[in-house]
């Protein structure tokens, strides 16, 4: 039971980190696009 709980928590943390990385990547891409449009 404890192992299952730990795996579930690890999976949840991994999903949160992935979504944070995706959000950061999207923000970075948007700022790059804005820089390119200004030139």
PDB file of N, CA and C in Angstrom:
ATOM      1  N   UNK A   1       0.836  -1.203   0.000  1.00  0.00           N
ATOM      2  CA  UNK A   1       0.000   0.000   0.000  1.00  0.00           C
ATOM      3  C   UNK A   1       0.872   1.254   0.000  1.00  0.00           C
ATOM      4  N   UNK A   2       1.902   1.246   0.812  1.00  0.00           N
ATOM      5  CA  UNK A   2       2.793   2.403   0.901  1.00  0.00           C
ATOM      6  C   UNK A   2       3.511   2.646  -0.426  1.00  0.00           C
ATOM      7  N   UNK A   3       3.900   1.559  -1.080  1.00  0.00           N
ATOM      8  CA  UNK A   3       4.600   1.675  -2.365  1.00  0.00           C
ATOM      9  C   UNK A   3       3.680   2.319  -3.398  1.00  0.00           C
ATOM     10  N   UNK A   4       2.444   1.869  -3.444  1.00  0.00           N
ATOM     11  CA  UNK A   4       1.476   2.420  -4.398  1.00  0.00           C
ATOM     12  C   UNK A   4       1.267   3.912  -4.152  1.00  0.00           C
ATOM     13  N   UNK A   5       1.178   4.286  -2.887  1.00  0.00           N
ATOM     14  CA  UNK A   5       1.002   5.694  -2.541  1.00  0.00           C
ATOM     15  C   UNK A   5       2.198   6.510  -3.019  1.00  0.00           C
ATOM     16  N   UNK A   6       3.376   5.995  -2.782  1.00  0.00           N
ATOM     17  CA  UNK A   6       4.583   6.718  -3.187  1.00  0.00           C
ATOM     18  C   UNK A   6       4.663   6.878  -4.704  1.00  0.00           C
ATOM     19  N   UNK A   7       4.359   5.812  -5.434  1.00  0.00           N
ATOM     20  CA  UNK A   7       4.389   5.872  -6.897  1.00  0.00           C
ATOM     21  C   UNK A   7       3.382   6.898  -7.397  1.00  0.00           C
ATOM     22  N   UNK A   8       2.201   6.925  -6.788  1.00  0.00           N
ATOM     23  CA  UNK A   8       1.172   7.890  -7.184  1.00  0.00           C
ATOM     24  C   UNK A   8       1.658   9.314  -6.958  1.00  0.00           C
ATOM     25  N   UNK A   9       2.274   9.560  -5.811  1.00  0.00           N
ATOM     26  CA  UNK A   9       2.783  10.902  -5.504  1.00  0.00           C
ATOM     27  C   UNK A   9       3.900  11.284  -6.471  1.00  0.00           C
ATOM     28  N   UNK A  10       4.796  10.354  -6.744  1.00  0.00           N
ATOM     29  CA  UNK A  10       5.886  10.621  -7.696  1.00  0.00           C
ATOM     30  C   UNK A  10       5.327  10.973  -9.071  1.00  0.00           C
ATOM     31  N   UNK A  11       4.313  10.225  -9.502  1.00  0.00           N
ATOM     32  CA  UNK A  11       3.702  10.466 -10.805  1.00  0.00           C
ATOM     33  C   UNK A  11       3.065  11.851 -10.846  1.00  0.00           C
ATOM     34  N   UNK A  12       2.379  12.217  -9.756  1.00  0.00           N
ATOM     35  CA  UNK A  12       1.725  13.523  -9.678  1.00  0.00           C
ATOM     36  C   UNK A  12       2.757  14.646  -9.752  1.00  0.00           C
ATOM     37  N   UNK A  13       3.854  14.498  -9.026  1.00  0.00           N
ATOM     38  CA  UNK A  13       4.918  15.511  -9.040  1.00  0.00           C
ATOM     39  C   UNK A  13       5.512  15.629 -10.439  1.00  0.00           C
ATOM     40  N   UNK A  14       5.725  14.498 -11.101  1.00  0.00           N
ATOM     41  CA  UNK A  14       6.276  14.515 -12.460  1.00  0.00           C
ATOM     42  C   UNK A  14       5.338  15.250 -13.408  1.00  0.00           C
ATOM     43  N   UNK A  15       4.032  15.036 -13.267  1.00  0.00           N
ATOM     44  CA  UNK A  15       3.066  15.722 -14.127  1.00  0.00           C
ATOM     45  C   UNK A  15       3.097  17.226 -13.886  1.00  0.00           C
ATOM     46  N   UNK A  16       3.190  17.632 -12.627  1.00  0.00           N
ATOM     47  CA  UNK A  16       3.234  19.060 -12.306  1.00  0.00           C
ATOM     48  C   UNK A  16       4.485  19.690 -12.896  1.00  0.00           C
ATOM     49  N   UNK A  17       5.626  19.020 -12.741  1.00  0.00           N
ATOM     50  CA  UNK A  17       6.878  19.556 -13.294  1.00  0.00           C
ATOM     51  C   UNK A  17       6.799  19.680 -14.806  1.00  0.00           C
ATOM     52  N   UNK A  18       6.210  18.686 -15.460  1.00  0.00           N
ATOM     53  CA  UNK A  18       6.078  18.720 -16.920  1.00  0.00           C
ATOM     54  C   UNK A  18       5.222  19.900 -17.349  1.00  0.00           C
ATOM     55  N   UNK A  19       4.119  20.121 -16.644  1.00  0.00           N
ATOM     56  CA  UNK A  19       3.246  21.235 -17.019  1.00  0.00           C
ATOM     57  C   UNK A  19       3.939  22.570 -16.779  1.00  0.00           C
ATOM     58  N   UNK A  20       4.735  22.665 -15.725  1.00  0.00           N
ATOM     59  CA  UNK A  20       5.478  23.905 -15.468  1.00  0.00           C
ATOM     60  C   UNK A  20       6.500  24.143 -16.572  1.00  0.00           C
ATOM     61  N   UNK A  21       7.200  23.086 -16.984  1.00  0.00           N
ATOM     62  CA  UNK A  21       8.184  23.219 -18.057  1.00  0.00           C
ATOM     63  C   UNK A  21       7.508  23.626 -19.357  1.00  0.00           C
ATOM     64  N   UNK A  22       6.345  23.041 -19.626  1.00  0.00           N
ATOM     65  CA  UNK A  22       5.616  23.376 -20.852  1.00  0.00           C
ATOM     66  C   UNK A  22       5.201  24.838 -20.827  1.00  0.00           C
ATOM     67  N   UNK A  23       4.696  25.302 -19.691  1.00  0.00           N
ATOM     68  CA  UNK A  23       4.277  26.699 -19.573  1.00  0.00           C
ATOM     69  C   UNK A  23       5.467  27.628 -19.776  1.00  0.00           C
ATOM     70  N   UNK A  24       6.611  27.270 -19.216  1.00  0.00           N
ATOM     71  CA  UNK A  24       7.811  28.096 -19.371  1.00  0.00           C
ATOM     72  C   UNK A  24       8.250  28.123 -20.828  1.00  0.00           C
ATOM     73  N   UNK A  25       8.173  26.984 -21.501  1.00  0.00           N
ATOM     74  CA  UNK A  25       8.562  26.915 -22.914  1.00  0.00           C
ATOM     75  C   UNK A  25       7.631  27.764 -23.763  1.00  0.00           C
ATOM     76  N   UNK A  26       6.336  27.701 -23.489  1.00  0.00           N
ATOM     77  CA  UNK A  26       5.359  28.493 -24.245  1.00  0.00           C
ATOM     78  C   UNK A  26       5.626  29.976 -24.042  1.00  0.00           C
ATOM     79  N   UNK A  27       5.892  30.382 -22.808  1.00  0.00           N
ATOM     80  CA  UNK A  27       6.178  31.790 -22.529  1.00  0.00           C
ATOM     81  C   UNK A  27       7.433  32.238 -23.267  1.00  0.00           C
ATOM     82  N   UNK A  28       8.423  31.389 -23.278  1.00  0.00           N
ATOM     83  CA  UNK A  28       9.676  31.704 -23.976  1.00  0.00           C
ATOM     84  C   UNK A  28       9.438  31.869 -25.475  1.00  0.00           C
ATOM     85  N   UNK A  29       8.667  30.953 -26.051  1.00  0.00           N
ATOM     86  CA  UNK A  29       8.368  31.033 -27.485  1.00  0.00           C
ATOM     87  C   UNK A  29       7.596  32.307 -27.810  1.00  0.00           C
ATOM     88  N   UNK A  30       6.646  32.672 -26.962  1.00  0.00           N
ATOM     89  CA  UNK A  30       5.860  33.881 -27.216  1.00  0.00           C
ATOM     90  C   UNK A  30       6.738  35.120 -27.166  1.00  0.00           C
ATOM     91  N   UNK A  31       7.649  35.175 -26.230  1.00  0.00           N
ATOM     92  CA  UNK A  31       8.528  36.348 -26.145  1.00  0.00           C
ATOM     93  C   UNK A  31       9.466  36.398 -27.350  1.00  0.00           C
ATOM     94  N   UNK A  32       9.923  35.230 -27.818  1.00  0.00           N
ATOM     95  CA  UNK A  32      10.769  35.203 -29.014  1.00  0.00           C
ATOM     96  C   UNK A  32       9.995  35.687 -30.234  1.00  0.00           C
ATOM     97  N   UNK A  33       8.742  35.274 -30.357  1.00  0.00           N
ATOM     98  CA  UNK A  33       7.925  35.718 -31.487  1.00  0.00           C
ATOM     99  C   UNK A  33       7.732  37.226 -31.449  1.00  0.00           C
ATOM    100  N   UNK A  34       7.496  37.776 -30.270  1.00  0.00           N
ATOM    101  CA  UNK A  34       7.307  39.224 -30.149  1.00  0.00           C
ATOM    102  C   UNK A  34       8.582  39.955 -30.540  1.00  0.00           C
ATOM    103  N   UNK A  35       9.725  39.428 -30.143  1.00  0.00           N
ATOM    104  CA  UNK A  35      11.001  40.045 -30.516  1.00  0.00           C
ATOM    105  C   UNK A  35      11.176  40.041 -32.027  1.00  0.00           C
ATOM    106  N   UNK A  36      10.813  38.936 -32.668  1.00  0.00           N
ATOM    107  CA  UNK A  36      10.967  38.839 -34.118  1.00  0.00           C
ATOM    108  C   UNK A  36      10.013  39.775 -34.848  1.00  0.00           C
ATOM    109  N   UNK A  37       8.822  39.976 -34.304  1.00  0.00           N
ATOM    110  CA  UNK A  37       7.854  40.860 -34.953  1.00  0.00           C
ATOM    111  C   UNK A  37       8.294  42.319 -34.867  1.00  0.00           C
ATOM    112  N   UNK A  38       9.006  42.676 -33.831  1.00  0.00           N
ATOM    113  CA  UNK A  38       9.445  44.064 -33.657  1.00  0.00           C
ATOM    114  C   UNK A  38      10.516  44.451 -34.662  1.00  0.00           C
ATOM    115  N   UNK A  39      11.276  43.477 -35.137  1.00  0.00           N
ATOM    116  CA  UNK A  39      12.382  43.783 -36.056  1.00  0.00           C
ATOM    117  C   UNK A  39      11.910  44.050 -37.467  1.00  0.00           C
TER     118      UNK A  39
END
